[in-house]
């Protein structure tokens, strides 16, 4: 939902589109 201003987040050896299936539940859905 946010992008790092420095550095990266890697999923399964890849970046960006290699995130797999995710979901998020918030405090106030």
ModelCIF file with pLDDT and N, C-alpha, C, O atoms, coordinates in Angstrom:
data_MODEL
#
_entry.id   MODEL 
#
_entity.id                         1 
_entity.type                       polymer 
_entity.pdbx_number_of_molecules   1 
#
_entity_poly.entity_id                      1 
_entity_poly.type                           'polypeptide(L)' 
_entity_poly.nstd_linkage                   no 
_entity_poly.nstd_monomer                   no 
_entity_poly.pdbx_seq_one_letter_code       
;(UNK)(UNK)(UNK)(UNK)(UNK)(UNK)(UNK)(UNK)(UNK)(UNK)(UNK)(UNK)(UNK)(UNK)(UNK)(UNK)
(UNK)(UNK)(UNK)(UNK)(UNK)(UNK)(UNK)(UNK)(UNK)(UNK)(UNK)(UNK)(UNK)
;
_entity_poly.pdbx_seq_one_letter_code_can   XXXXXXXXXXXXXXXXXXXXXXXXXXXXX 
_entity_poly.pdbx_strand_id                 A 
#
loop_
_entity_poly_seq.entity_id 
_entity_poly_seq.num 
_entity_poly_seq.mon_id 
_entity_poly_seq.hetero 
1 1  UNK n 
1 2  UNK n 
1 3  UNK n 
1 4  UNK n 
1 5  UNK n 
1 6  UNK n 
1 7  UNK n 
1 8  UNK n 
1 9  UNK n 
1 10 UNK n 
1 11 UNK n 
1 12 UNK n 
1 13 UNK n 
1 14 UNK n 
1 15 UNK n 
1 16 UNK n 
1 17 UNK n 
1 18 UNK n 
1 19 UNK n 
1 20 UNK n 
1 21 UNK n 
1 22 UNK n 
1 23 UNK n 
1 24 UNK n 
1 25 UNK n 
1 26 UNK n 
1 27 UNK n 
1 28 UNK n 
1 29 UNK n 
#
_struct_asym.id          A 
_struct_asym.entity_id   1 
#
loop_
_ma_qa_metric.id 
_ma_qa_metric.mode 
_ma_qa_metric.name 
_ma_qa_metric.software_group_id 
_ma_qa_metric.type 
1 global pLDDT . pLDDT 
2 local  pLDDT . pLDDT 
#
_ma_qa_metric_global.metric_id      1 
_ma_qa_metric_global.metric_value   77.34 
_ma_qa_metric_global.model_id       1 
_ma_qa_metric_global.ordinal_id     1 
#
loop_
_ma_qa_metric_local.label_asym_id 
_ma_qa_metric_local.label_comp_id 
_ma_qa_metric_local.label_seq_id 
_ma_qa_metric_local.metric_id 
_ma_qa_metric_local.metric_value 
_ma_qa_metric_local.model_id 
_ma_qa_metric_local.ordinal_id 
A UNK 1  2 92.00 1 1  
A UNK 2  2 94.00 1 2  
A UNK 3  2 94.00 1 3  
A UNK 4  2 93.00 1 4  
A UNK 5  2 93.00 1 5  
A UNK 6  2 93.00 1 6  
A UNK 7  2 91.00 1 7  
A UNK 8  2 90.00 1 8  
A UNK 9  2 88.00 1 9  
A UNK 10 2 85.00 1 10 
A UNK 11 2 78.00 1 11 
A UNK 12 2 68.00 1 12 
A UNK 13 2 47.00 1 13 
A UNK 14 2 42.00 1 14 
A UNK 15 2 43.00 1 15 
A UNK 16 2 43.00 1 16 
A UNK 17 2 41.00 1 17 
A UNK 18 2 43.00 1 18 
A UNK 19 2 53.00 1 19 
A UNK 20 2 57.00 1 20 
A UNK 21 2 84.00 1 21 
A UNK 22 2 90.00 1 22 
A UNK 23 2 94.00 1 23 
A UNK 24 2 94.00 1 24 
A UNK 25 2 95.00 1 25 
A UNK 26 2 91.00 1 26 
A UNK 27 2 88.00 1 27 
A UNK 28 2 89.00 1 28 
A UNK 29 2 90.00 1 29 
#
loop_
_atom_site.group_PDB 
_atom_site.id 
_atom_site.type_symbol 
_atom_site.label_atom_id 
_atom_site.label_alt_id 
_atom_site.label_comp_id 
_atom_site.label_asym_id 
_atom_site.label_entity_id 
_atom_site.label_seq_id 
_atom_site.pdbx_PDB_ins_code 
_atom_site.Cartn_x 
_atom_site.Cartn_y 
_atom_site.Cartn_z 
_atom_site.occupancy 
_atom_site.B_iso_or_equiv 
_atom_site.pdbx_formal_charge 
_atom_site.auth_seq_id 
_atom_site.auth_comp_id 
_atom_site.auth_asym_id 
_atom_site.auth_atom_id 
_atom_site.pdbx_PDB_model_num 
ATOM 1   N N  . UNK A 1 1  ? 0.827   -1.208  0.000  1.00 92.00 ? 1  UNK A N  1 
ATOM 2   C CA . UNK A 1 1  ? 0.000   0.000   0.000  1.00 92.00 ? 1  UNK A CA 1 
ATOM 3   C C  . UNK A 1 1  ? 0.862   1.259   0.000  1.00 92.00 ? 1  UNK A C  1 
ATOM 4   O O  . UNK A 1 1  ? 0.417   2.327   -0.420 1.00 92.00 ? 1  UNK A O  1 
ATOM 5   N N  . UNK A 1 2  ? 2.096   1.123   0.473  1.00 94.00 ? 2  UNK A N  1 
ATOM 6   C CA . UNK A 1 2  ? 3.073   2.208   0.443  1.00 94.00 ? 2  UNK A CA 1 
ATOM 7   C C  . UNK A 1 2  ? 4.349   1.673   -0.199 1.00 94.00 ? 2  UNK A C  1 
ATOM 8   O O  . UNK A 1 2  ? 4.600   0.468   -0.208 1.00 94.00 ? 2  UNK A O  1 
ATOM 9   N N  . UNK A 1 3  ? 5.149   2.595   -0.738 1.00 94.00 ? 3  UNK A N  1 
ATOM 10  C CA . UNK A 1 3  ? 6.429   2.212   -1.326 1.00 94.00 ? 3  UNK A CA 1 
ATOM 11  C C  . UNK A 1 3  ? 7.572   2.788   -0.492 1.00 94.00 ? 3  UNK A C  1 
ATOM 12  O O  . UNK A 1 3  ? 7.506   3.938   -0.058 1.00 94.00 ? 3  UNK A O  1 
ATOM 13  N N  . UNK A 1 4  ? 8.610   2.000   -0.271 1.00 93.00 ? 4  UNK A N  1 
ATOM 14  C CA . UNK A 1 4  ? 9.760   2.526   0.478  1.00 93.00 ? 4  UNK A CA 1 
ATOM 15  C C  . UNK A 1 4  ? 10.365  3.731   -0.238 1.00 93.00 ? 4  UNK A C  1 
ATOM 16  O O  . UNK A 1 4  ? 10.387  3.786   -1.468 1.00 93.00 ? 4  UNK A O  1 
ATOM 17  N N  . UNK A 1 5  ? 10.850  4.683   0.530  1.00 93.00 ? 5  UNK A N  1 
ATOM 18  C CA . UNK A 1 5  ? 11.571  5.809   -0.070 1.00 93.00 ? 5  UNK A CA 1 
ATOM 19  C C  . UNK A 1 5  ? 13.040  5.465   -0.263 1.00 93.00 ? 5  UNK A C  1 
ATOM 20  O O  . UNK A 1 5  ? 13.763  6.179   -0.958 1.00 93.00 ? 5  UNK A O  1 
ATOM 21  N N  . UNK A 1 6  ? 13.478  4.379   0.347  1.00 93.00 ? 6  UNK A N  1 
ATOM 22  C CA . UNK A 1 6  ? 14.833  3.856   0.120  1.00 93.00 ? 6  UNK A CA 1 
ATOM 23  C C  . UNK A 1 6  ? 14.796  2.360   0.411  1.00 93.00 ? 6  UNK A C  1 
ATOM 24  O O  . UNK A 1 6  ? 14.114  1.912   1.332  1.00 93.00 ? 6  UNK A O  1 
ATOM 25  N N  . UNK A 1 7  ? 15.540  1.593   -0.387 1.00 91.00 ? 7  UNK A N  1 
ATOM 26  C CA . UNK A 1 7  ? 15.549  0.154   -0.190 1.00 91.00 ? 7  UNK A CA 1 
ATOM 27  C C  . UNK A 1 7  ? 14.403  -0.528  -0.919 1.00 91.00 ? 7  UNK A C  1 
ATOM 28  O O  . UNK A 1 7  ? 13.625  0.124   -1.616 1.00 91.00 ? 7  UNK A O  1 
ATOM 29  N N  . UNK A 1 8  ? 14.304  -1.820  -0.759 1.00 90.00 ? 8  UNK A N  1 
ATOM 30  C CA . UNK A 1 8  ? 13.301  -2.615  -1.456 1.00 90.00 ? 8  UNK A CA 1 
ATOM 31  C C  . UNK A 1 8  ? 12.696  -3.651  -0.518 1.00 90.00 ? 8  UNK A C  1 
ATOM 32  O O  . UNK A 1 8  ? 13.232  -3.955  0.548  1.00 90.00 ? 8  UNK A O  1 
ATOM 33  N N  . UNK A 1 9  ? 11.548  -4.183  -0.961 1.00 88.00 ? 9  UNK A N  1 
ATOM 34  C CA . UNK A 1 9  ? 10.920  -5.323  -0.298 1.00 88.00 ? 9  UNK A CA 1 
ATOM 35  C C  . UNK A 1 9  ? 10.882  -6.450  -1.320 1.00 88.00 ? 9  UNK A C  1 
ATOM 36  O O  . UNK A 1 9  ? 10.306  -6.295  -2.397 1.00 88.00 ? 9  UNK A O  1 
ATOM 37  N N  . UNK A 1 10 ? 11.483  -7.566  -0.994 1.00 85.00 ? 10 UNK A N  1 
ATOM 38  C CA . UNK A 1 10 ? 11.570  -8.698  -1.919 1.00 85.00 ? 10 UNK A CA 1 
ATOM 39  C C  . UNK A 1 10 ? 10.676  -9.831  -1.442 1.00 85.00 ? 10 UNK A C  1 
ATOM 40  O O  . UNK A 1 10 ? 10.606  -10.123 -0.248 1.00 85.00 ? 10 UNK A O  1 
ATOM 41  N N  . UNK A 1 11 ? 9.994   -10.465 -2.389 1.00 78.00 ? 11 UNK A N  1 
ATOM 42  C CA . UNK A 1 11 ? 9.137   -11.619 -2.110 1.00 78.00 ? 11 UNK A CA 1 
ATOM 43  C C  . UNK A 1 11 ? 9.590   -12.770 -2.994 1.00 78.00 ? 11 UNK A C  1 
ATOM 44  O O  . UNK A 1 11 ? 9.663   -12.628 -4.215 1.00 78.00 ? 11 UNK A O  1 
ATOM 45  N N  . UNK A 1 12 ? 9.888   -13.887 -2.395 1.00 68.00 ? 12 UNK A N  1 
ATOM 46  C CA . UNK A 1 12 ? 10.256  -15.094 -3.130 1.00 68.00 ? 12 UNK A CA 1 
ATOM 47  C C  . UNK A 1 12 ? 11.388  -14.842 -4.116 1.00 68.00 ? 12 UNK A C  1 
ATOM 48  O O  . UNK A 1 12 ? 11.377  -15.347 -5.238 1.00 68.00 ? 12 UNK A O  1 
ATOM 49  N N  . UNK A 1 13 ? 12.329  -14.081 -3.693 1.00 47.00 ? 13 UNK A N  1 
ATOM 50  C CA . UNK A 1 13 ? 13.471  -13.824 -4.546 1.00 47.00 ? 13 UNK A CA 1 
ATOM 51  C C  . UNK A 1 13 ? 13.260  -12.778 -5.605 1.00 47.00 ? 13 UNK A C  1 
ATOM 52  O O  . UNK A 1 13 ? 14.174  -12.492 -6.379 1.00 47.00 ? 13 UNK A O  1 
ATOM 53  N N  . UNK A 1 14 ? 12.047  -12.182 -5.664 1.00 42.00 ? 14 UNK A N  1 
ATOM 54  C CA . UNK A 1 14 ? 11.784  -11.160 -6.669 1.00 42.00 ? 14 UNK A CA 1 
ATOM 55  C C  . UNK A 1 14 ? 11.280  -9.900  -6.011 1.00 42.00 ? 14 UNK A C  1 
ATOM 56  O O  . UNK A 1 14 ? 11.074  -9.873  -4.798 1.00 42.00 ? 14 UNK A O  1 
ATOM 57  N N  . UNK A 1 15 ? 11.077  -8.847  -6.798 1.00 43.00 ? 15 UNK A N  1 
ATOM 58  C CA . UNK A 1 15 ? 10.571  -7.583  -6.277 1.00 43.00 ? 15 UNK A CA 1 
ATOM 59  C C  . UNK A 1 15 ? 9.239   -7.256  -6.931 1.00 43.00 ? 15 UNK A C  1 
ATOM 60  O O  . UNK A 1 15 ? 8.866   -7.835  -7.951 1.00 43.00 ? 15 UNK A O  1 
ATOM 61  N N  . UNK A 1 16 ? 8.532   -6.313  -6.318 1.00 43.00 ? 16 UNK A N  1 
ATOM 62  C CA . UNK A 1 16 ? 7.336   -5.754  -6.951 1.00 43.00 ? 16 UNK A CA 1 
ATOM 63  C C  . UNK A 1 16 ? 6.250   -6.765  -7.173 1.00 43.00 ? 16 UNK A C  1 
ATOM 64  O O  . UNK A 1 16 ? 5.450   -7.019  -6.273 1.00 43.00 ? 16 UNK A O  1 
ATOM 65  N N  . UNK A 1 17 ? 6.198   -7.357  -8.360 1.00 41.00 ? 17 UNK A N  1 
ATOM 66  C CA . UNK A 1 17 ? 5.072   -8.204  -8.732 1.00 41.00 ? 17 UNK A CA 1 
ATOM 67  C C  . UNK A 1 17 ? 5.123   -9.602  -8.193 1.00 41.00 ? 17 UNK A C  1 
ATOM 68  O O  . UNK A 1 17 ? 4.203   -10.377 -8.455 1.00 41.00 ? 17 UNK A O  1 
ATOM 69  N N  . UNK A 1 18 ? 6.164   -9.980  -7.438 1.00 43.00 ? 18 UNK A N  1 
ATOM 70  C CA . UNK A 1 18 ? 6.284   -11.355 -6.960 1.00 43.00 ? 18 UNK A CA 1 
ATOM 71  C C  . UNK A 1 18 ? 5.739   -11.518 -5.552 1.00 43.00 ? 18 UNK A C  1 
ATOM 72  O O  . UNK A 1 18 ? 6.309   -12.245 -4.739 1.00 43.00 ? 18 UNK A O  1 
ATOM 73  N N  . UNK A 1 19 ? 4.654   -10.852 -5.270 1.00 53.00 ? 19 UNK A N  1 
ATOM 74  C CA . UNK A 1 19 ? 4.161   -10.813 -3.891 1.00 53.00 ? 19 UNK A CA 1 
ATOM 75  C C  . UNK A 1 19 ? 3.330   -12.036 -3.519 1.00 53.00 ? 19 UNK A C  1 
ATOM 76  O O  . UNK A 1 19 ? 3.190   -12.328 -2.332 1.00 53.00 ? 19 UNK A O  1 
ATOM 77  N N  . UNK A 1 20 ? 2.786   -12.748 -4.468 1.00 57.00 ? 20 UNK A N  1 
ATOM 78  C CA . UNK A 1 20 ? 1.939   -13.870 -4.113 1.00 57.00 ? 20 UNK A CA 1 
ATOM 79  C C  . UNK A 1 20 ? 0.589   -13.399 -3.613 1.00 57.00 ? 20 UNK A C  1 
ATOM 80  O O  . UNK A 1 20 ? 0.248   -12.224 -3.748 1.00 57.00 ? 20 UNK A O  1 
ATOM 81  N N  . UNK A 1 21 ? -0.191  -14.316 -3.030 1.00 84.00 ? 21 UNK A N  1 
ATOM 82  C CA . UNK A 1 21 ? -1.527  -13.980 -2.560 1.00 84.00 ? 21 UNK A CA 1 
ATOM 83  C C  . UNK A 1 21 ? -1.447  -13.378 -1.159 1.00 84.00 ? 21 UNK A C  1 
ATOM 84  O O  . UNK A 1 21 ? -0.927  -14.002 -0.234 1.00 84.00 ? 21 UNK A O  1 
ATOM 85  N N  . UNK A 1 22 ? -1.963  -12.170 -1.017 1.00 90.00 ? 22 UNK A N  1 
ATOM 86  C CA . UNK A 1 22 ? -1.963  -11.485 0.268  1.00 90.00 ? 22 UNK A CA 1 
ATOM 87  C C  . UNK A 1 22 ? -3.337  -10.891 0.534  1.00 90.00 ? 22 UNK A C  1 
ATOM 88  O O  . UNK A 1 22 ? -4.128  -10.659 -0.380 1.00 90.00 ? 22 UNK A O  1 
ATOM 89  N N  . UNK A 1 23 ? -3.593  -10.656 1.796  1.00 94.00 ? 23 UNK A N  1 
ATOM 90  C CA . UNK A 1 23 ? -4.795  -9.921  2.196  1.00 94.00 ? 23 UNK A CA 1 
ATOM 91  C C  . UNK A 1 23 ? -4.443  -9.137  3.456  1.00 94.00 ? 23 UNK A C  1 
ATOM 92  O O  . UNK A 1 23 ? -3.494  -9.469  4.167  1.00 94.00 ? 23 UNK A O  1 
ATOM 93  N N  . UNK A 1 24 ? -5.225  -8.088  3.719  1.00 94.00 ? 24 UNK A N  1 
ATOM 94  C CA . UNK A 1 24 ? -4.998  -7.274  4.911  1.00 94.00 ? 24 UNK A CA 1 
ATOM 95  C C  . UNK A 1 24 ? -6.326  -6.890  5.524  1.00 94.00 ? 24 UNK A C  1 
ATOM 96  O O  . UNK A 1 24 ? -7.273  -6.535  4.821  1.00 94.00 ? 24 UNK A O  1 
ATOM 97  N N  . UNK A 1 25 ? -6.386  -6.963  6.848  1.00 95.00 ? 25 UNK A N  1 
ATOM 98  C CA . UNK A 1 25 ? -7.573  -6.562  7.604  1.00 95.00 ? 25 UNK A CA 1 
ATOM 99  C C  . UNK A 1 25 ? -7.154  -5.427  8.535  1.00 95.00 ? 25 UNK A C  1 
ATOM 100 O O  . UNK A 1 25 ? -6.166  -5.531  9.262  1.00 95.00 ? 25 UNK A O  1 
ATOM 101 N N  . UNK A 1 26 ? -7.921  -4.351  8.495  1.00 91.00 ? 26 UNK A N  1 
ATOM 102 C CA . UNK A 1 26 ? -7.576  -3.151  9.241  1.00 91.00 ? 26 UNK A CA 1 
ATOM 103 C C  . UNK A 1 26 ? -8.341  -3.076  10.561 1.00 91.00 ? 26 UNK A C  1 
ATOM 104 O O  . UNK A 1 26 ? -9.298  -3.814  10.797 1.00 91.00 ? 26 UNK A O  1 
ATOM 105 N N  . UNK A 1 27 ? -7.887  -2.163  11.404 1.00 88.00 ? 27 UNK A N  1 
ATOM 106 C CA . UNK A 1 27 ? -8.530  -1.946  12.697 1.00 88.00 ? 27 UNK A CA 1 
ATOM 107 C C  . UNK A 1 27 ? -9.994  -1.566  12.527 1.00 88.00 ? 27 UNK A C  1 
ATOM 108 O O  . UNK A 1 27 ? -10.852 -2.025  13.280 1.00 88.00 ? 27 UNK A O  1 
ATOM 109 N N  . UNK A 1 28 ? -10.275 -0.732  11.542 1.00 89.00 ? 28 UNK A N  1 
ATOM 110 C CA . UNK A 1 28 ? -11.658 -0.357  11.221 1.00 89.00 ? 28 UNK A CA 1 
ATOM 111 C C  . UNK A 1 28 ? -11.944 -0.782  9.788  1.00 89.00 ? 28 UNK A C  1 
ATOM 112 O O  . UNK A 1 28 ? -11.693 -0.013  8.859  1.00 89.00 ? 28 UNK A O  1 
ATOM 113 N N  . UNK A 1 29 ? -12.462 -1.987  9.589  1.00 90.00 ? 29 UNK A N  1 
ATOM 114 C CA . UNK A 1 29 ? -12.649 -2.493  8.230  1.00 90.00 ? 29 UNK A CA 1 
ATOM 115 C C  . UNK A 1 29 ? -13.717 -1.713  7.464  1.00 90.00 ? 29 UNK A C  1 
ATOM 116 O O  . UNK A 1 29 ? -13.991 -2.018  6.304  1.00 90.00 ? 29 UNK A O  1 
#
